[in-house]
Amino acid sequence: MVVVKYIFEDTKLASQEVTGMVGDNILELAEDNGMHINSNCGMVCACSTCHVYIERGEDYLTEISDAEEDFIDRAINPRIESRLSCQCNIQDDDENKIIEVLVPDQSQIIGHEH
């Protein structure tokens, strides 16, 4: 299992760590563990509301697609480490691996509550 650490730009929210396995999705892991990341398109890579920054562990996730890159360009403050959390599936879960996800302040993003 790999450790996924969620860090929030919103300082009112505490960082959280969860464990994930191959095939687990960064957005679903957050939601399944009581953390909220906006998501409007139903995880089909058709918007940018679930935009996050992968600060560490990018190599343990599926590669970015052309469609995902196109939608990241529409996100608020995209950076080189930007990803859509709905498209980030864990592909390597050997022990002692850590994925750090920085979640932008969700109050800036118009998205569905779950």
N, C-alpha and C. Protein backbone atom coordinates (compact mmCIF):
# COMPACT_ATOMS: atom_id res chain seq x y z
N MET A 1 0.83 -1.19 0.00
CA MET A 1 0.00 0.00 0.00
C MET A 1 0.87 1.25 0.00
N VAL A 2 0.37 2.29 -0.61
CA VAL A 2 1.05 3.58 -0.67
C VAL A 2 0.31 4.55 0.26
N VAL A 3 1.04 5.49 0.83
CA VAL A 3 0.43 6.52 1.67
C VAL A 3 0.12 7.72 0.78
N VAL A 4 -1.11 8.19 0.85
CA VAL A 4 -1.50 9.39 0.13
C VAL A 4 -1.78 10.47 1.18
N LYS A 5 -0.99 11.53 1.12
CA LYS A 5 -1.13 12.63 2.08
C LYS A 5 -1.79 13.80 1.37
N TYR A 6 -2.93 14.22 1.91
CA TYR A 6 -3.67 15.36 1.38
C TYR A 6 -3.35 16.58 2.24
N ILE A 7 -2.87 17.63 1.60
CA ILE A 7 -2.55 18.89 2.26
C ILE A 7 -3.48 19.93 1.63
N PHE A 8 -4.09 20.76 2.46
CA PHE A 8 -5.09 21.70 1.98
C PHE A 8 -4.59 23.14 2.05
N GLU A 9 -4.79 23.90 0.95
CA GLU A 9 -4.46 25.33 0.98
C GLU A 9 -5.32 26.05 2.00
N ASP A 10 -6.55 25.61 2.17
CA ASP A 10 -7.44 26.17 3.18
C ASP A 10 -6.90 25.76 4.55
N THR A 11 -6.32 26.72 5.26
CA THR A 11 -5.64 26.42 6.52
C THR A 11 -6.59 25.96 7.63
N LYS A 12 -7.90 26.06 7.41
CA LYS A 12 -8.86 25.56 8.40
C LYS A 12 -8.98 24.03 8.34
N LEU A 13 -8.44 23.45 7.28
CA LEU A 13 -8.53 21.99 7.11
C LEU A 13 -7.18 21.35 7.42
N ALA A 14 -7.22 20.33 8.24
CA ALA A 14 -6.00 19.63 8.62
C ALA A 14 -5.58 18.65 7.53
N SER A 15 -4.28 18.46 7.38
CA SER A 15 -3.76 17.45 6.47
C SER A 15 -4.24 16.08 6.93
N GLN A 16 -4.40 15.18 5.97
CA GLN A 16 -4.81 13.81 6.30
C GLN A 16 -4.01 12.83 5.46
N GLU A 17 -3.75 11.67 6.04
CA GLU A 17 -3.07 10.60 5.33
C GLU A 17 -3.98 9.38 5.27
N VAL A 18 -4.03 8.77 4.09
CA VAL A 18 -4.79 7.53 3.90
C VAL A 18 -3.90 6.56 3.14
N THR A 19 -4.26 5.30 3.14
CA THR A 19 -3.52 4.32 2.35
C THR A 19 -4.30 3.96 1.11
N GLY A 20 -3.59 3.71 0.04
CA GLY A 20 -4.22 3.34 -1.22
C GLY A 20 -3.49 2.18 -1.86
N MET A 21 -4.18 1.57 -2.83
CA MET A 21 -3.63 0.42 -3.54
C MET A 21 -3.72 0.69 -5.04
N VAL A 22 -3.07 -0.16 -5.82
CA VAL A 22 -3.13 -0.04 -7.27
C VAL A 22 -4.59 0.02 -7.72
N GLY A 23 -4.89 0.99 -8.58
CA GLY A 23 -6.25 1.17 -9.09
C GLY A 23 -7.06 2.19 -8.34
N ASP A 24 -6.66 2.51 -7.10
CA ASP A 24 -7.39 3.54 -6.35
C ASP A 24 -7.19 4.90 -7.02
N ASN A 25 -8.20 5.72 -6.90
CA ASN A 25 -8.23 7.03 -7.53
C ASN A 25 -8.07 8.12 -6.45
N ILE A 26 -7.28 9.14 -6.73
CA ILE A 26 -6.99 10.20 -5.76
C ILE A 26 -8.26 10.93 -5.32
N LEU A 27 -9.17 11.22 -6.23
CA LEU A 27 -10.43 11.89 -5.88
C LEU A 27 -11.30 10.99 -5.03
N GLU A 28 -11.49 9.74 -5.44
CA GLU A 28 -12.34 8.82 -4.70
C GLU A 28 -11.77 8.52 -3.31
N LEU A 29 -10.45 8.39 -3.20
CA LEU A 29 -9.84 8.15 -1.89
C LEU A 29 -10.15 9.30 -0.94
N ALA A 30 -10.06 10.52 -1.45
CA ALA A 30 -10.38 11.68 -0.61
C ALA A 30 -11.83 11.61 -0.15
N GLU A 31 -12.73 11.46 -1.08
CA GLU A 31 -14.16 11.44 -0.76
C GLU A 31 -14.51 10.27 0.18
N ASP A 32 -13.92 9.11 -0.05
CA ASP A 32 -14.20 7.94 0.78
C ASP A 32 -13.70 8.11 2.21
N ASN A 33 -12.79 9.07 2.40
CA ASN A 33 -12.21 9.30 3.72
C ASN A 33 -12.61 10.66 4.30
N GLY A 34 -13.75 11.19 3.85
CA GLY A 34 -14.32 12.38 4.45
C GLY A 34 -13.71 13.70 4.03
N MET A 35 -12.92 13.71 2.96
CA MET A 35 -12.34 14.95 2.45
C MET A 35 -13.08 15.35 1.19
N HIS A 36 -13.21 16.65 0.98
CA HIS A 36 -13.97 17.12 -0.18
C HIS A 36 -13.05 17.76 -1.22
N ILE A 37 -13.20 17.29 -2.46
CA ILE A 37 -12.60 17.93 -3.63
C ILE A 37 -13.74 18.12 -4.62
N ASN A 38 -13.95 19.36 -5.06
CA ASN A 38 -15.02 19.62 -6.02
C ASN A 38 -14.85 18.76 -7.26
N SER A 39 -15.99 18.38 -7.84
CA SER A 39 -15.98 17.55 -9.04
C SER A 39 -17.32 17.70 -9.75
N ASN A 40 -17.29 18.23 -10.96
CA ASN A 40 -18.54 18.48 -11.68
C ASN A 40 -18.88 17.47 -12.76
N CYS A 41 -17.89 16.80 -13.34
CA CYS A 41 -18.15 16.04 -14.56
C CYS A 41 -18.37 14.55 -14.34
N GLY A 42 -18.35 14.09 -13.12
CA GLY A 42 -18.54 12.66 -12.88
C GLY A 42 -17.32 11.82 -13.23
N MET A 43 -16.16 12.41 -13.11
CA MET A 43 -14.88 11.71 -13.30
C MET A 43 -14.64 11.27 -14.73
N VAL A 44 -15.10 12.04 -15.71
CA VAL A 44 -14.90 11.67 -17.12
C VAL A 44 -13.93 12.61 -17.84
N CYS A 45 -13.18 13.40 -17.09
CA CYS A 45 -12.18 14.31 -17.66
C CYS A 45 -12.84 15.31 -18.61
N ALA A 46 -13.89 15.99 -18.10
CA ALA A 46 -14.60 16.96 -18.93
C ALA A 46 -14.68 18.34 -18.27
N CYS A 47 -13.91 18.55 -17.20
CA CYS A 47 -13.87 19.86 -16.54
C CYS A 47 -12.55 19.96 -15.77
N SER A 48 -12.39 21.01 -15.02
CA SER A 48 -11.14 21.16 -14.25
C SER A 48 -11.41 21.41 -12.77
N THR A 49 -12.62 21.11 -12.30
CA THR A 49 -12.96 21.43 -10.91
C THR A 49 -12.22 20.59 -9.90
N CYS A 50 -11.73 19.42 -10.27
CA CYS A 50 -11.03 18.56 -9.31
C CYS A 50 -9.51 18.73 -9.38
N HIS A 51 -9.08 19.85 -9.90
CA HIS A 51 -7.65 20.17 -10.06
C HIS A 51 -6.92 20.14 -8.72
N VAL A 52 -5.78 19.46 -8.70
CA VAL A 52 -4.90 19.39 -7.52
C VAL A 52 -3.45 19.51 -8.00
N TYR A 53 -2.54 19.63 -7.05
CA TYR A 53 -1.12 19.61 -7.34
C TYR A 53 -0.52 18.35 -6.72
N ILE A 54 0.20 17.59 -7.51
CA ILE A 54 0.90 16.40 -7.00
C ILE A 54 2.31 16.87 -6.63
N GLU A 55 2.51 17.06 -5.34
CA GLU A 55 3.77 17.61 -4.84
C GLU A 55 4.86 16.55 -4.75
N ARG A 56 4.46 15.30 -4.65
CA ARG A 56 5.41 14.20 -4.49
C ARG A 56 4.72 12.91 -4.93
N GLY A 57 5.45 12.05 -5.61
CA GLY A 57 4.91 10.74 -5.96
C GLY A 57 4.22 10.65 -7.31
N GLU A 58 4.44 11.61 -8.18
CA GLU A 58 3.83 11.60 -9.51
C GLU A 58 4.11 10.29 -10.25
N ASP A 59 5.28 9.72 -10.04
CA ASP A 59 5.66 8.48 -10.73
C ASP A 59 4.81 7.28 -10.32
N TYR A 60 4.09 7.39 -9.21
CA TYR A 60 3.26 6.28 -8.73
C TYR A 60 1.83 6.37 -9.27
N LEU A 61 1.59 7.37 -10.13
CA LEU A 61 0.25 7.58 -10.69
C LEU A 61 0.26 7.33 -12.20
N THR A 62 -0.92 7.08 -12.75
CA THR A 62 -1.05 6.92 -14.20
C THR A 62 -0.58 8.21 -14.88
N GLU A 63 -0.11 8.07 -16.11
CA GLU A 63 0.40 9.21 -16.85
C GLU A 63 -0.74 10.14 -17.25
N ILE A 64 -0.39 11.40 -17.41
CA ILE A 64 -1.36 12.41 -17.82
C ILE A 64 -1.70 12.22 -19.29
N SER A 65 -2.97 12.35 -19.62
CA SER A 65 -3.43 12.22 -21.01
C SER A 65 -3.49 13.60 -21.66
N ASP A 66 -3.62 13.62 -22.98
CA ASP A 66 -3.76 14.89 -23.70
C ASP A 66 -5.03 15.62 -23.26
N ALA A 67 -6.12 14.86 -23.08
CA ALA A 67 -7.39 15.48 -22.66
C ALA A 67 -7.24 16.12 -21.29
N GLU A 68 -6.56 15.41 -20.37
CA GLU A 68 -6.36 15.97 -19.04
C GLU A 68 -5.53 17.25 -19.11
N GLU A 69 -4.48 17.24 -19.91
CA GLU A 69 -3.66 18.45 -20.06
C GLU A 69 -4.49 19.62 -20.57
N ASP A 70 -5.38 19.36 -21.52
CA ASP A 70 -6.23 20.43 -22.06
C ASP A 70 -7.10 21.05 -20.97
N PHE A 71 -7.67 20.22 -20.10
CA PHE A 71 -8.53 20.76 -19.05
C PHE A 71 -7.73 21.41 -17.93
N ILE A 72 -6.53 20.95 -17.68
CA ILE A 72 -5.68 21.60 -16.67
C ILE A 72 -5.40 23.04 -17.07
N ASP A 73 -5.25 23.28 -18.36
CA ASP A 73 -5.02 24.65 -18.85
C ASP A 73 -6.15 25.58 -18.47
N ARG A 74 -7.34 25.04 -18.20
CA ARG A 74 -8.51 25.85 -17.83
C ARG A 74 -8.67 25.99 -16.32
N ALA A 75 -7.83 25.32 -15.55
CA ALA A 75 -7.92 25.36 -14.09
C ALA A 75 -7.40 26.69 -13.55
N ILE A 76 -7.76 26.98 -12.30
CA ILE A 76 -7.23 28.16 -11.62
C ILE A 76 -5.79 27.87 -11.21
N ASN A 77 -4.87 28.74 -11.60
CA ASN A 77 -3.45 28.65 -11.23
C ASN A 77 -2.80 27.30 -11.56
N PRO A 78 -2.86 26.85 -12.82
CA PRO A 78 -2.19 25.60 -13.16
C PRO A 78 -0.67 25.73 -13.03
N ARG A 79 -0.04 24.62 -12.66
CA ARG A 79 1.42 24.56 -12.54
C ARG A 79 1.90 23.25 -13.16
N ILE A 80 3.18 23.08 -13.23
CA ILE A 80 3.75 21.88 -13.83
C ILE A 80 3.30 20.61 -13.10
N GLU A 81 3.04 20.72 -11.79
CA GLU A 81 2.62 19.54 -11.01
C GLU A 81 1.09 19.39 -10.92
N SER A 82 0.37 20.15 -11.75
CA SER A 82 -1.09 20.08 -11.76
C SER A 82 -1.58 18.77 -12.36
N ARG A 83 -2.63 18.24 -11.76
CA ARG A 83 -3.34 17.07 -12.28
C ARG A 83 -4.82 17.23 -11.96
N LEU A 84 -5.64 16.47 -12.65
CA LEU A 84 -7.05 16.34 -12.29
C LEU A 84 -7.15 15.11 -11.41
N SER A 85 -7.63 15.29 -10.19
CA SER A 85 -7.63 14.18 -9.24
C SER A 85 -8.47 13.01 -9.71
N CYS A 86 -9.48 13.28 -10.55
CA CYS A 86 -10.32 12.19 -11.06
C CYS A 86 -9.58 11.30 -12.05
N GLN A 87 -8.46 11.77 -12.56
CA GLN A 87 -7.70 11.01 -13.55
C GLN A 87 -6.44 10.38 -12.97
N CYS A 88 -6.19 10.58 -11.69
CA CYS A 88 -4.99 10.07 -11.02
C CYS A 88 -5.28 8.74 -10.35
N ASN A 89 -4.90 7.67 -11.00
CA ASN A 89 -5.05 6.34 -10.41
C ASN A 89 -3.68 5.84 -9.97
N ILE A 90 -3.64 5.22 -8.82
CA ILE A 90 -2.39 4.68 -8.31
C ILE A 90 -1.99 3.49 -9.18
N GLN A 91 -0.76 3.50 -9.67
CA GLN A 91 -0.28 2.40 -10.50
C GLN A 91 0.87 1.63 -9.86
N ASP A 92 1.40 2.15 -8.76
CA ASP A 92 2.51 1.48 -8.07
C ASP A 92 2.26 1.66 -6.58
N ASP A 93 2.10 0.57 -5.86
CA ASP A 93 1.80 0.68 -4.42
C ASP A 93 2.77 -0.11 -3.55
N ASP A 94 4.02 -0.22 -4.02
CA ASP A 94 5.02 -0.85 -3.17
C ASP A 94 5.13 -0.08 -1.87
N GLU A 95 5.45 -0.78 -0.80
CA GLU A 95 5.54 -0.12 0.51
C GLU A 95 6.57 1.00 0.49
N ASN A 96 6.40 1.91 1.44
CA ASN A 96 7.30 3.06 1.63
C ASN A 96 7.19 4.10 0.52
N LYS A 97 6.09 4.10 -0.22
CA LYS A 97 5.85 5.12 -1.24
C LYS A 97 4.88 6.13 -0.66
N ILE A 98 5.11 7.41 -1.00
CA ILE A 98 4.24 8.48 -0.52
C ILE A 98 3.84 9.35 -1.71
N ILE A 99 2.57 9.66 -1.77
CA ILE A 99 2.04 10.61 -2.74
C ILE A 99 1.51 11.79 -1.94
N GLU A 100 2.00 12.98 -2.24
CA GLU A 100 1.51 14.19 -1.56
C GLU A 100 0.66 14.99 -2.53
N VAL A 101 -0.56 15.27 -2.12
CA VAL A 101 -1.53 15.98 -2.94
C VAL A 101 -1.86 17.30 -2.25
N LEU A 102 -1.58 18.41 -2.93
CA LEU A 102 -1.96 19.73 -2.43
C LEU A 102 -3.30 20.09 -3.06
N VAL A 103 -4.32 20.27 -2.22
CA VAL A 103 -5.67 20.57 -2.69
C VAL A 103 -5.88 22.08 -2.62
N PRO A 104 -6.12 22.72 -3.79
CA PRO A 104 -6.37 24.16 -3.78
C PRO A 104 -7.59 24.51 -2.94
N ASP A 105 -7.65 25.75 -2.51
CA ASP A 105 -8.78 26.24 -1.73
C ASP A 105 -10.06 26.04 -2.54
N GLN A 106 -10.93 25.18 -2.06
CA GLN A 106 -12.15 24.82 -2.79
C GLN A 106 -13.17 25.95 -2.85
N SER A 107 -13.03 26.96 -2.01
CA SER A 107 -13.98 28.08 -2.05
C SER A 107 -13.82 28.92 -3.31
N GLN A 108 -12.71 28.77 -4.01
CA GLN A 108 -12.46 29.51 -5.26
C GLN A 108 -13.04 28.80 -6.47
N ILE A 109 -13.52 27.57 -6.27
CA ILE A 109 -13.94 26.73 -7.37
C ILE A 109 -15.43 26.46 -7.27
N ILE A 110 -16.13 26.66 -8.35
CA ILE A 110 -17.56 26.36 -8.37
C ILE A 110 -17.68 24.87 -8.68
N GLY A 111 -18.16 24.12 -7.70
CA GLY A 111 -18.25 22.68 -7.87
C GLY A 111 -19.36 22.09 -7.05
N HIS A 112 -19.70 20.87 -7.37
CA HIS A 112 -20.76 20.16 -6.67
C HIS A 112 -20.28 19.65 -5.31
N GLU A 113 -21.12 19.78 -4.33
CA GLU A 113 -20.87 19.17 -3.02
C GLU A 113 -21.32 17.71 -3.11
N HIS A 114 -20.63 16.85 -2.41
CA HIS A 114 -20.97 15.42 -2.44
C HIS A 114 -21.56 15.01 -1.11
